[in-house]
Amino acid sequence: MSPASAPSRARPGAARQALPAAPSGFLSRKTGHERYNDVLLIGFVLCIAWVPLPFGSNYLTIWGINAVLFAALLILFEAGLLVSGAPHPVAPRRLWWVLALFGLLTLWILLQLAPFVPVSWQNPFWELARAILSRVPGGPEVAGSISVSPDSGIRTLVRLLTNAACFYLALQLCRDSRRADLFLTALVVIGVVYAVFGIGQFLLFPDRLLWIEKQHYVESLTSTFVNRNNYATFASIGAIAAIGLLIDVHRRGGVGRDLPLPLRVAAFVDISLRSGALLLAAVAVLMVALFLTASRAGVTAGLCGVIALICLLLVFSRRKWFIAVLALPIFAMLIAAMLYSGDMLADRLADTSNDAMRSSVILRTLNAILDSPWLGFGYGSFDDMYTVYKLPDQWISTHWDKAHNTYAELLFELGVPAALGMFVLVGGILGAILMNVRRRETRPVISLVALAASVTVLLHALVDFSVQIQAVALFYWALVGAGLAQSWSRRIDTSV
């Protein structure tokens, strides 16, 4: 080796040494604080796994239990930082705009609930209540507020704060790449467990929902959820995560382009059978469960999410041919699952009997927004307030507690400015993931899965309310938090 050539060989080695060290083994870290966070991740995963079990966590008592669980995990995480003196894995300053927007949104919801706002801001129904109660001897005084249902607002705010705690915990705990990989795997396992249970119960005890008699959707798979559409969104997120992991296993397998085609095919098959077999089975199970829900919007949104994931991988991958080849068996499984679901899904796709009614509710909700466009009717108030606006032909015997369009419902409840602020908040987080991923040399699969799952969730929110069900919301926001955490390059120290 000549002296002139030695420095040129030394520089690449120096660059490699500058890279962050590979993460140490899970639960066998170099510091007690990292081991502590590993234990917290286990607790976090167990909480996420519990949430779908009690009927999708769509009951008041369960909301309280979940709020306590995730608040306790949050306190334990912050206490660990305080005791160890370690910095936040993701410093608050990196998300100052998220904290600011969320803080303003929370303050606005509290202001909607407050009894001290000017009378001119209060909903007219409070003045009507005062007029009626003033005629009652010894009748109580009515303070009034912007919200027509402050109690519902408090309950809905608690759920919002629980979602925020879940997102924050995933963001901080999954900045470590080892924990992020395990977390994504855990989400797939959780999805498969509920899918297997749902398929088993659907085939063996179709008239049962857990331990009670099934009142609705007897002909559809709902797993532990009451509503098939809500479970369809949950299953779609799990399927997208499983497909992402499957593609990532092949990507990490390192089938080089310099190999002859027969060897590449052999390596592909070997990885599929040795490392990808369980993931292939997971995708198949989740897809079968999704199609057996017979949820038209849920299946459509789920397929859009899968297509979005494939497109993201094609855009960001250097080996586009490889992603295209992997997509073929995935779409083959989709077609097989669709065929397995048989005539049930086809009949549901042909059934449009309820479409006109749902469209009527959404349009009526949008018209009602004009009565209070700036202040709204109060967060969580749709259940109580929509009765006033319901048209006679909207099934008098039916109680519409949801608008079947989450965006219209938020505009109705929060008012246009605050609702737009929430939309900007969500869009900004997803935009940050996308921009960060574009700057990375290697694209973390969990970030791409989070973006693809967002396509499913946000599309379904146009025609249903799955994201308002706590099991779906917490599952989704945990994934988004972890996706954002991994979207930053490992070269960037996000703790400062």
Protein backbone atom coordinates (compact mmCIF):
# COMPACT_ATOMS: atom_id res chain seq x y z
CA MET A 1 0.00 0.00 0.00
CA SER A 2 1.44 3.38 -0.97
CA PRO A 3 1.50 6.24 1.54
CA ALA A 4 -0.68 8.30 -0.78
CA SER A 5 -3.41 5.68 -0.80
CA ALA A 6 -3.51 5.11 2.98
CA PRO A 7 -5.44 8.24 3.93
CA SER A 8 -8.14 7.57 1.34
CA ARG A 9 -8.76 4.14 2.91
CA ALA A 10 -8.77 5.54 6.43
CA ARG A 11 -11.47 8.12 5.83
CA PRO A 12 -14.31 5.64 5.15
CA GLY A 13 -13.36 3.77 8.30
CA ALA A 14 -13.47 7.00 10.30
CA ALA A 15 -16.91 7.75 8.90
CA ARG A 16 -18.13 4.33 9.98
CA GLN A 17 -16.82 4.88 13.49
CA ALA A 18 -18.81 8.13 13.68
CA LEU A 19 -22.08 6.26 13.27
CA PRO A 20 -24.08 5.51 16.44
CA ALA A 21 -23.36 2.18 18.02
CA ALA A 22 -25.79 -0.62 17.37
CA PRO A 23 -28.43 -0.86 20.08
CA SER A 24 -27.73 -3.34 22.83
CA GLY A 25 -29.97 -6.31 23.51
CA PHE A 26 -33.49 -5.80 24.86
CA LEU A 27 -33.55 -5.99 28.69
CA SER A 28 -29.76 -6.31 28.72
CA ARG A 29 -28.77 -2.67 28.32
CA LYS A 30 -25.64 -0.96 29.49
CA THR A 31 -27.57 1.41 31.77
CA GLY A 32 -30.29 0.79 34.30
CA HIS A 33 -32.41 3.58 32.81
CA GLU A 34 -32.53 1.88 29.40
CA ARG A 35 -33.49 -1.43 31.03
CA TYR A 36 -36.18 0.48 32.93
CA ASN A 37 -37.57 1.84 29.64
CA ASP A 38 -37.53 -1.68 28.19
CA VAL A 39 -39.72 -2.82 31.09
CA LEU A 40 -42.00 0.17 30.51
CA LEU A 41 -42.35 -0.85 26.86
CA ILE A 42 -43.55 -4.29 27.98
CA GLY A 43 -46.15 -2.62 30.19
CA PHE A 44 -47.12 -0.31 27.34
CA VAL A 45 -47.62 -3.24 24.95
CA LEU A 46 -49.73 -5.09 27.52
CA CYS A 47 -51.96 -2.04 27.90
CA ILE A 48 -52.34 -1.75 24.12
CA ALA A 49 -53.18 -5.48 23.98
CA TRP A 50 -55.84 -5.10 26.69
CA VAL A 51 -57.68 -2.17 25.12
CA PRO A 52 -59.58 -4.08 22.36
CA LEU A 53 -60.70 -6.84 24.72
CA PRO A 54 -63.59 -5.16 26.57
CA PHE A 55 -65.79 -4.64 23.50
CA GLY A 56 -63.32 -2.28 21.84
CA SER A 57 -63.15 -0.15 25.01
CA ASN A 58 -66.31 1.67 24.02
CA TYR A 59 -67.79 2.01 27.52
CA LEU A 60 -67.52 4.73 30.13
CA THR A 61 -65.99 2.54 32.85
CA ILE A 62 -63.34 1.22 30.48
CA TRP A 63 -62.45 4.78 29.45
CA GLY A 64 -61.66 5.52 33.07
CA ILE A 65 -59.58 2.36 33.48
CA ASN A 66 -57.59 3.09 30.33
CA ALA A 67 -57.03 6.70 31.37
CA VAL A 68 -55.56 5.51 34.67
CA LEU A 69 -53.38 2.87 32.97
CA PHE A 70 -51.79 5.18 30.42
CA ALA A 71 -51.49 8.05 32.88
CA ALA A 72 -49.66 5.71 35.28
CA LEU A 73 -47.26 4.65 32.51
CA LEU A 74 -46.66 8.30 31.66
CA ILE A 75 -45.90 9.16 35.29
CA LEU A 76 -43.54 6.18 35.58
CA PHE A 77 -41.72 7.23 32.42
CA GLU A 78 -41.24 10.83 33.57
CA ALA A 79 -40.25 9.66 37.06
CA GLY A 80 -37.58 7.46 35.51
CA LEU A 81 -36.12 10.45 33.68
CA LEU A 82 -36.20 12.51 36.86
CA VAL A 83 -34.43 9.88 38.97
CA SER A 84 -31.80 8.96 36.36
CA GLY A 85 -31.20 12.48 35.11
CA ALA A 86 -31.47 11.23 31.52
CA PRO A 87 -32.89 13.53 28.83
CA HIS A 88 -36.07 12.84 26.91
CA PRO A 89 -35.30 10.62 23.89
CA VAL A 90 -37.26 13.17 21.86
CA ALA A 91 -36.81 16.65 23.33
CA PRO A 92 -40.03 18.69 23.68
CA ARG A 93 -38.51 21.50 21.62
CA ARG A 94 -38.54 19.27 18.54
CA LEU A 95 -42.33 19.13 18.74
CA TRP A 96 -43.02 22.58 20.15
CA TRP A 97 -45.66 23.24 17.52
CA VAL A 98 -47.47 19.97 18.35
CA LEU A 99 -47.47 20.87 22.05
CA ALA A 100 -48.64 24.41 21.29
CA LEU A 101 -51.50 23.33 19.03
CA PHE A 102 -52.61 20.56 21.35
CA GLY A 103 -52.42 22.89 24.34
CA LEU A 104 -54.55 25.52 22.59
CA LEU A 105 -57.05 22.86 21.54
CA THR A 106 -57.30 21.56 25.13
CA LEU A 107 -57.76 25.09 26.47
CA TRP A 108 -60.55 25.71 23.94
CA ILE A 109 -62.36 22.52 24.98
CA LEU A 110 -62.07 23.56 28.64
CA LEU A 111 -63.41 27.01 27.72
CA GLN A 112 -66.39 25.35 26.03
CA LEU A 113 -67.12 23.59 29.34
CA ALA A 114 -66.56 26.65 31.54
CA PRO A 115 -69.59 28.28 33.21
CA PHE A 116 -68.02 31.77 33.32
CA VAL A 117 -68.01 32.61 29.60
CA PRO A 118 -70.07 35.65 28.48
CA VAL A 119 -73.78 35.01 28.07
CA SER A 120 -73.51 35.96 24.41
CA TRP A 121 -71.18 32.99 23.91
CA GLN A 122 -73.42 30.48 25.66
CA ASN A 123 -75.57 28.16 23.63
CA PRO A 124 -79.17 29.47 23.33
CA PHE A 125 -80.48 26.28 24.94
CA TRP A 126 -79.15 27.48 28.30
CA GLU A 127 -81.29 30.62 28.08
CA LEU A 128 -84.27 28.43 27.29
CA ALA A 129 -83.45 26.27 30.33
CA ARG A 130 -83.26 29.37 32.55
CA ALA A 131 -86.63 30.59 31.28
CA ILE A 132 -88.27 27.26 32.06
CA LEU A 133 -86.63 26.74 35.47
CA SER A 134 -87.41 30.31 36.54
CA ARG A 135 -91.08 29.33 36.64
CA VAL A 136 -90.37 26.44 38.99
CA PRO A 137 -90.51 27.42 42.68
CA GLY A 138 -87.06 26.91 44.18
CA GLY A 139 -85.66 25.91 40.82
CA PRO A 140 -81.85 25.72 40.54
CA GLU A 141 -79.82 28.46 38.92
CA VAL A 142 -78.40 27.62 35.51
CA ALA A 143 -74.89 28.88 34.80
CA GLY A 144 -74.70 27.93 31.13
CA SER A 145 -71.72 27.31 28.83
CA ILE A 146 -70.74 27.10 25.19
CA SER A 147 -71.22 23.35 25.33
CA VAL A 148 -74.74 21.99 25.44
CA SER A 149 -73.45 18.89 27.25
CA PRO A 150 -70.49 19.65 29.57
CA ASP A 151 -70.54 16.14 31.09
CA SER A 152 -70.08 14.58 27.65
CA GLY A 153 -67.32 17.09 26.98
CA ILE A 154 -65.39 16.01 30.07
CA ARG A 155 -65.65 12.33 29.10
CA THR A 156 -64.54 13.00 25.54
CA LEU A 157 -61.67 15.19 26.72
CA VAL A 158 -60.43 12.36 28.96
CA ARG A 159 -60.36 10.08 25.92
CA LEU A 160 -58.48 12.71 23.91
CA LEU A 161 -55.88 13.06 26.68
CA THR A 162 -55.55 9.26 26.82
CA ASN A 163 -54.83 9.22 23.08
CA ALA A 164 -52.22 11.94 23.60
CA ALA A 165 -50.55 10.00 26.43
CA CYS A 166 -50.41 6.88 24.22
CA PHE A 167 -48.86 8.83 21.34
CA TYR A 168 -46.31 10.47 23.66
CA LEU A 169 -45.25 7.19 25.28
CA ALA A 170 -44.77 5.51 21.90
CA LEU A 171 -42.81 8.53 20.67
CA GLN A 172 -40.40 8.46 23.60
CA LEU A 173 -40.03 4.71 24.11
CA CYS A 174 -39.66 3.86 20.42
CA ARG A 175 -36.92 6.35 19.60
CA ASP A 176 -34.67 3.37 20.36
CA SER A 177 -34.62 1.26 17.18
CA ARG A 178 -34.59 -2.07 19.04
CA ARG A 179 -37.70 -1.14 21.00
CA ALA A 180 -39.36 0.19 17.83
CA ASP A 181 -38.78 -3.12 15.99
CA LEU A 182 -40.18 -5.11 18.90
CA PHE A 183 -43.12 -2.74 19.23
CA LEU A 184 -44.14 -3.14 15.58
CA THR A 185 -43.87 -6.91 15.95
CA ALA A 186 -46.01 -6.72 19.09
CA LEU A 187 -48.70 -4.76 17.23
CA VAL A 188 -48.82 -7.48 14.58
CA VAL A 189 -49.07 -10.19 17.24
CA ILE A 190 -51.90 -8.31 18.95
CA GLY A 191 -53.72 -7.95 15.64
CA VAL A 192 -53.31 -11.66 14.83
CA VAL A 193 -54.52 -12.79 18.27
CA TYR A 194 -57.75 -10.81 17.93
CA ALA A 195 -58.14 -11.98 14.32
CA VAL A 196 -57.74 -15.65 15.27
CA PHE A 197 -60.21 -15.22 18.13
CA GLY A 198 -62.65 -13.45 15.82
CA ILE A 199 -62.45 -16.12 13.11
CA GLY A 200 -62.88 -18.89 15.66
CA GLN A 201 -65.88 -17.28 17.28
CA PHE A 202 -67.40 -16.42 13.90
CA LEU A 203 -67.15 -20.03 12.70
CA LEU A 204 -68.07 -21.80 15.94
CA PHE A 205 -70.29 -19.34 17.86
CA PRO A 206 -71.53 -16.72 15.37
CA ASP A 207 -74.30 -15.61 17.72
CA ARG A 208 -71.90 -14.73 20.58
CA LEU A 209 -69.84 -11.63 21.30
CA LEU A 210 -67.31 -12.69 23.91
CA TRP A 211 -69.55 -14.07 26.69
CA ILE A 212 -72.82 -12.31 25.75
CA GLU A 213 -75.38 -12.83 23.02
CA LYS A 214 -74.64 -10.90 19.87
CA GLN A 215 -77.30 -8.28 19.15
CA HIS A 216 -75.96 -6.85 15.89
CA TYR A 217 -73.91 -8.00 12.89
CA VAL A 218 -74.57 -11.69 13.55
CA GLU A 219 -73.63 -12.42 9.93
CA SER A 220 -70.28 -10.61 10.20
CA LEU A 221 -67.00 -11.11 12.02
CA THR A 222 -66.49 -8.47 14.70
CA SER A 223 -63.93 -10.16 17.02
CA THR A 224 -64.27 -8.42 20.41
CA PHE A 225 -65.81 -5.28 18.87
CA VAL A 226 -69.53 -4.56 18.76
CA ASN A 227 -69.40 -2.93 15.32
CA ARG A 228 -67.93 -4.69 12.27
CA ASN A 229 -66.75 -1.40 10.74
CA ASN A 230 -64.69 -0.58 13.82
CA TYR A 231 -63.04 -3.98 13.85
CA ALA A 232 -62.38 -3.73 10.10
CA THR A 233 -60.25 -0.63 10.72
CA PHE A 234 -58.41 -2.36 13.58
CA ALA A 235 -57.72 -5.43 11.44
CA SER A 236 -56.58 -3.25 8.54
CA ILE A 237 -53.97 -1.52 10.71
CA GLY A 238 -52.69 -4.92 11.85
CA ALA A 239 -52.57 -6.22 8.27
CA ILE A 240 -50.65 -3.18 7.03
CA ALA A 241 -48.16 -3.61 9.89
CA ALA A 242 -47.75 -7.32 9.06
CA ILE A 243 -47.16 -6.58 5.37
CA GLY A 244 -44.63 -3.93 6.30
CA LEU A 245 -42.75 -6.38 8.51
CA LEU A 246 -42.87 -9.06 5.80
CA ILE A 247 -41.35 -6.75 3.21
CA ASP A 248 -38.78 -5.54 5.72
CA VAL A 249 -37.67 -9.12 6.43
CA HIS A 250 -36.95 -9.62 2.74
CA ARG A 251 -35.31 -6.21 2.47
CA ARG A 252 -32.95 -7.03 5.31
CA GLY A 253 -32.27 -10.45 3.82
CA GLY A 254 -29.89 -8.77 1.40
CA VAL A 255 -30.69 -10.50 -1.88
CA GLY A 256 -28.13 -8.70 -4.02
CA ARG A 257 -28.70 -7.55 -7.59
CA ASP A 258 -25.27 -8.82 -8.58
CA LEU A 259 -26.35 -12.44 -8.10
CA PRO A 260 -27.61 -14.49 -11.07
CA LEU A 261 -31.38 -14.61 -11.37
CA PRO A 262 -31.73 -18.28 -10.26
CA LEU A 263 -29.75 -17.56 -7.10
CA ARG A 264 -31.84 -14.48 -6.39
CA VAL A 265 -35.03 -16.51 -6.76
CA ALA A 266 -33.62 -19.23 -4.49
CA ALA A 267 -32.61 -16.66 -1.85
CA PHE A 268 -36.05 -15.07 -2.05
CA VAL A 269 -37.79 -18.40 -1.50
CA ASP A 270 -35.40 -19.30 1.33
CA ILE A 271 -36.09 -16.05 3.18
CA SER A 272 -39.84 -16.49 2.63
CA LEU A 273 -39.83 -19.98 4.11
CA ARG A 274 -37.27 -19.43 6.85
CA SER A 275 -37.97 -15.90 8.12
CA GLY A 276 -41.19 -14.85 6.43
CA ALA A 277 -43.46 -17.88 6.84
CA LEU A 278 -45.03 -16.70 10.09
CA LEU A 279 -45.53 -13.21 8.70
CA LEU A 280 -47.14 -14.62 5.55
CA ALA A 281 -49.52 -16.55 7.79
CA ALA A 282 -50.17 -13.39 9.84
CA VAL A 283 -51.06 -11.41 6.70
CA ALA A 284 -53.37 -14.18 5.53
CA VAL A 285 -55.17 -14.43 8.89
CA LEU A 286 -55.64 -10.67 9.19
CA MET A 287 -56.90 -10.39 5.62
CA VAL A 288 -59.39 -13.22 6.06
CA ALA A 289 -60.66 -11.55 9.25
CA LEU A 290 -60.92 -8.21 7.45
CA PHE A 291 -62.95 -9.59 4.55
CA LEU A 292 -65.21 -11.60 6.86
CA THR A 293 -66.31 -8.37 8.51
CA ALA A 294 -68.17 -7.64 5.25
CA SER A 295 -67.61 -3.95 5.99
CA ARG A 296 -67.67 -2.18 2.63
CA ALA A 297 -65.95 0.99 3.81
CA GLY A 298 -63.62 -0.90 6.15
CA VAL A 299 -62.42 -3.30 3.45
CA THR A 300 -62.04 -0.50 0.90
CA ALA A 301 -60.10 1.71 3.30
CA GLY A 302 -57.93 -1.25 4.32
CA LEU A 303 -57.06 -2.05 0.71
CA CYS A 304 -56.25 1.63 0.10
CA GLY A 305 -53.87 1.47 3.05
CA VAL A 306 -52.14 -1.63 1.64
CA ILE A 307 -51.79 0.04 -1.76
CA ALA A 308 -50.44 3.18 -0.06
CA LEU A 309 -47.79 1.11 1.73
CA ILE A 310 -46.70 -0.55 -1.53
CA CYS A 311 -46.54 2.86 -3.23
CA LEU A 312 -44.47 4.36 -0.39
CA LEU A 313 -42.04 1.46 -0.56
CA LEU A 314 -41.79 1.81 -4.35
CA VAL A 315 -41.09 5.54 -4.05
CA PHE A 316 -38.48 5.26 -1.32
CA SER A 317 -36.82 1.94 -2.20
CA ARG A 318 -33.79 1.75 -4.41
CA ARG A 319 -34.77 -1.78 -5.48
CA LYS A 320 -38.18 -1.05 -6.96
CA TRP A 321 -38.22 -4.37 -8.82
CA PHE A 322 -37.84 -6.13 -5.50
CA ILE A 323 -40.86 -4.38 -3.97
CA ALA A 324 -42.88 -5.08 -7.12
CA VAL A 325 -42.04 -8.78 -6.93
CA LEU A 326 -42.97 -8.89 -3.23
CA ALA A 327 -46.26 -7.15 -3.95
CA LEU A 328 -47.42 -10.01 -6.21
CA PRO A 329 -47.87 -12.67 -3.48
CA ILE A 330 -49.38 -10.05 -1.18
CA PHE A 331 -52.05 -9.15 -3.73
CA ALA A 332 -52.55 -12.86 -4.41
CA MET A 333 -53.35 -13.33 -0.72
CA LEU A 334 -55.75 -10.38 -0.88
CA ILE A 335 -57.61 -11.97 -3.78
CA ALA A 336 -57.67 -15.35 -2.03
CA ALA A 337 -59.03 -13.78 1.16
CA MET A 338 -61.66 -11.93 -0.87
CA LEU A 339 -62.72 -15.16 -2.57
CA TYR A 340 -62.84 -16.95 0.78
CA SER A 341 -65.26 -14.36 2.12
CA GLY A 342 -67.56 -15.46 -0.68
CA ASP A 343 -70.96 -13.99 -1.39
CA MET A 344 -71.22 -12.19 1.96
CA LEU A 345 -68.94 -9.32 1.00
CA ALA A 346 -70.39 -9.20 -2.52
CA ASP A 347 -73.89 -8.86 -1.08
CA ARG A 348 -72.74 -6.09 1.23
CA LEU A 349 -71.09 -4.25 -1.66
CA ALA A 350 -74.35 -4.43 -3.59
CA ASP A 351 -76.43 -3.28 -0.61
CA THR A 352 -76.84 0.51 -0.64
CA SER A 353 -80.00 0.70 1.45
CA ASN A 354 -78.40 2.69 4.27
CA ASP A 355 -76.24 4.96 2.15
CA ALA A 356 -78.90 7.59 1.58
CA MET A 357 -79.72 7.77 5.28
CA ARG A 358 -76.08 8.19 6.31
CA SER A 359 -75.55 10.84 3.65
CA SER A 360 -78.62 12.64 4.94
CA VAL A 361 -77.19 12.65 8.49
CA ILE A 362 -73.85 14.00 7.28
CA LEU A 363 -75.48 16.74 5.22
CA ARG A 364 -77.77 17.67 8.11
CA THR A 365 -74.73 17.87 10.39
CA LEU A 366 -72.94 20.17 7.95
CA ASN A 367 -76.01 22.41 7.77
CA ALA A 368 -76.24 22.53 11.58
CA ILE A 369 -72.64 23.79 11.77
CA LEU A 370 -73.86 27.08 10.26
CA ASP A 371 -75.87 27.76 13.44
CA SER A 372 -72.68 27.94 15.50
CA PRO A 373 -69.69 27.99 13.15
CA TRP A 374 -67.21 29.76 15.45
CA LEU A 375 -67.94 28.32 18.88
CA GLY A 376 -69.42 24.91 18.08
CA PHE A 377 -71.89 23.03 20.25
CA GLY A 378 -69.29 21.58 22.62
CA TYR A 379 -66.80 18.75 22.39
CA GLY A 380 -68.60 15.41 22.67
CA SER A 381 -72.03 17.01 22.35
CA PHE A 382 -73.16 15.42 19.07
CA ASP A 383 -74.95 12.57 20.84
CA ASP A 384 -77.21 14.99 22.73
CA MET A 385 -77.48 17.83 20.24
CA TYR A 386 -78.14 16.15 16.92
CA THR A 387 -81.63 15.10 18.02
CA VAL A 388 -82.67 18.74 17.58
CA TYR A 389 -81.60 18.68 13.94
CA LYS A 390 -82.70 15.18 12.98
CA LEU A 391 -85.13 15.14 10.08
CA PRO A 392 -88.38 13.14 10.36
CA ASP A 393 -87.27 10.69 7.66
CA GLN A 394 -84.05 9.80 9.53
CA TRP A 395 -85.64 6.79 11.26
CA ILE A 396 -87.51 8.28 14.20
CA SER A 397 -86.79 5.12 16.20
CA THR A 398 -83.03 5.38 15.54
CA HIS A 399 -80.72 7.37 17.80
CA TRP A 400 -77.83 8.85 15.86
CA ASP A 401 -75.02 9.22 18.40
CA LYS A 402 -72.38 9.63 15.68
CA ALA A 403 -72.37 11.62 12.45
CA HIS A 404 -70.69 8.78 10.50
CA ASN A 405 -68.20 11.41 9.36
CA THR A 406 -65.62 12.30 12.00
CA TYR A 407 -64.62 15.52 10.26
CA ALA A 408 -68.19 16.86 10.12
CA GLU A 409 -68.73 15.83 13.75
CA LEU A 410 -65.63 17.70 14.92
CA LEU A 411 -66.70 20.82 13.02
CA PHE A 412 -70.12 20.49 14.68
CA GLU A 413 -68.69 20.10 18.18
CA LEU A 414 -65.57 22.26 18.24
CA GLY A 415 -66.50 24.96 15.78
CA VAL A 416 -64.70 25.59 12.51
CA PRO A 417 -61.51 27.30 13.81
CA ALA A 418 -60.76 24.72 16.53
CA ALA A 419 -61.64 21.78 14.29
CA LEU A 420 -59.34 23.11 11.58
CA GLY A 421 -56.65 23.38 14.24
CA MET A 422 -57.10 19.70 15.04
CA PHE A 423 -56.90 18.79 11.35
CA VAL A 424 -53.70 20.83 11.01
CA LEU A 425 -52.28 19.08 14.09
CA VAL A 426 -52.88 15.60 12.69
CA GLY A 427 -51.77 16.57 9.19
CA GLY A 428 -48.66 18.25 10.57
CA ILE A 429 -47.59 15.13 12.47
CA LEU A 430 -48.03 12.95 9.39
CA GLY A 431 -46.28 15.57 7.26
CA ALA A 432 -43.35 15.59 9.71
CA ILE A 433 -43.03 11.79 9.40
CA LEU A 434 -43.02 12.03 5.62
CA MET A 435 -40.46 14.86 5.49
CA ASN A 436 -38.16 13.15 7.99
CA VAL A 437 -38.32 9.86 6.09
CA ARG A 438 -37.43 11.61 2.84
CA ARG A 439 -34.21 12.88 4.41
CA ARG A 440 -33.11 9.48 5.68
CA GLU A 441 -30.80 7.19 3.74
CA THR A 442 -32.67 4.12 5.00
CA ARG A 443 -36.43 4.35 5.45
CA PRO A 444 -37.72 2.72 8.66
CA VAL A 445 -40.63 0.44 7.90
CA ILE A 446 -42.56 1.49 11.01
CA SER A 447 -42.73 5.07 9.72
CA LEU A 448 -44.03 3.93 6.34
CA VAL A 449 -46.55 1.64 8.05
CA ALA A 450 -47.77 4.58 10.15
CA LEU A 451 -48.32 6.67 7.02
CA ALA A 452 -50.11 3.84 5.21
CA ALA A 453 -52.30 3.09 8.23
CA SER A 454 -53.19 6.79 8.31
CA VAL A 455 -54.57 6.47 4.79
CA THR A 456 -56.90 3.73 6.03
CA VAL A 457 -57.96 5.52 9.22
CA LEU A 458 -58.46 8.96 7.67
CA LEU A 459 -60.35 7.59 4.67
CA HIS A 460 -62.66 5.51 6.83
CA ALA A 461 -63.34 8.57 8.99
CA LEU A 462 -65.13 10.09 5.99
CA VAL A 463 -67.96 7.57 6.21
CA ASP A 464 -67.77 6.09 9.72
CA PHE A 465 -66.52 6.64 13.26
CA SER A 466 -63.92 3.92 13.83
CA VAL A 467 -61.25 6.39 14.94
CA GLN A 468 -63.64 7.52 17.70
CA ILE A 469 -63.59 4.01 19.19
CA GLN A 470 -60.87 3.93 21.81
CA ALA A 471 -59.35 0.59 20.86
CA VAL A 472 -58.81 1.78 17.30
CA ALA A 473 -57.66 5.25 18.36
CA LEU A 474 -55.04 4.03 20.86
CA PHE A 475 -53.77 1.32 18.48
CA TYR A 476 -53.43 3.91 15.73
CA TRP A 477 -51.86 6.73 17.77
CA ALA A 478 -49.33 4.36 19.31
CA LEU A 479 -48.27 3.39 15.79
CA VAL A 480 -48.05 7.04 14.69
CA GLY A 481 -45.99 7.96 17.75
CA ALA A 482 -43.53 5.14 17.09
CA GLY A 483 -43.43 6.01 13.39
CA LEU A 484 -42.58 9.63 14.16
CA ALA A 485 -39.88 8.58 16.64
CA GLN A 486 -38.13 6.45 14.03
CA SER A 487 -38.57 8.93 11.18
CA TRP A 488 -35.56 10.96 12.40
CA SER A 489 -32.20 9.65 11.31
CA ARG A 490 -30.14 7.86 13.97
CA ARG A 491 -27.40 10.38 13.22
CA ILE A 492 -29.61 13.09 14.76
CA ASP A 493 -29.55 13.44 18.54
CA THR A 494 -33.22 14.20 19.17
CA SER A 495 -32.68 14.48 22.93
CA VAL A 496 -31.35 18.02 22.57
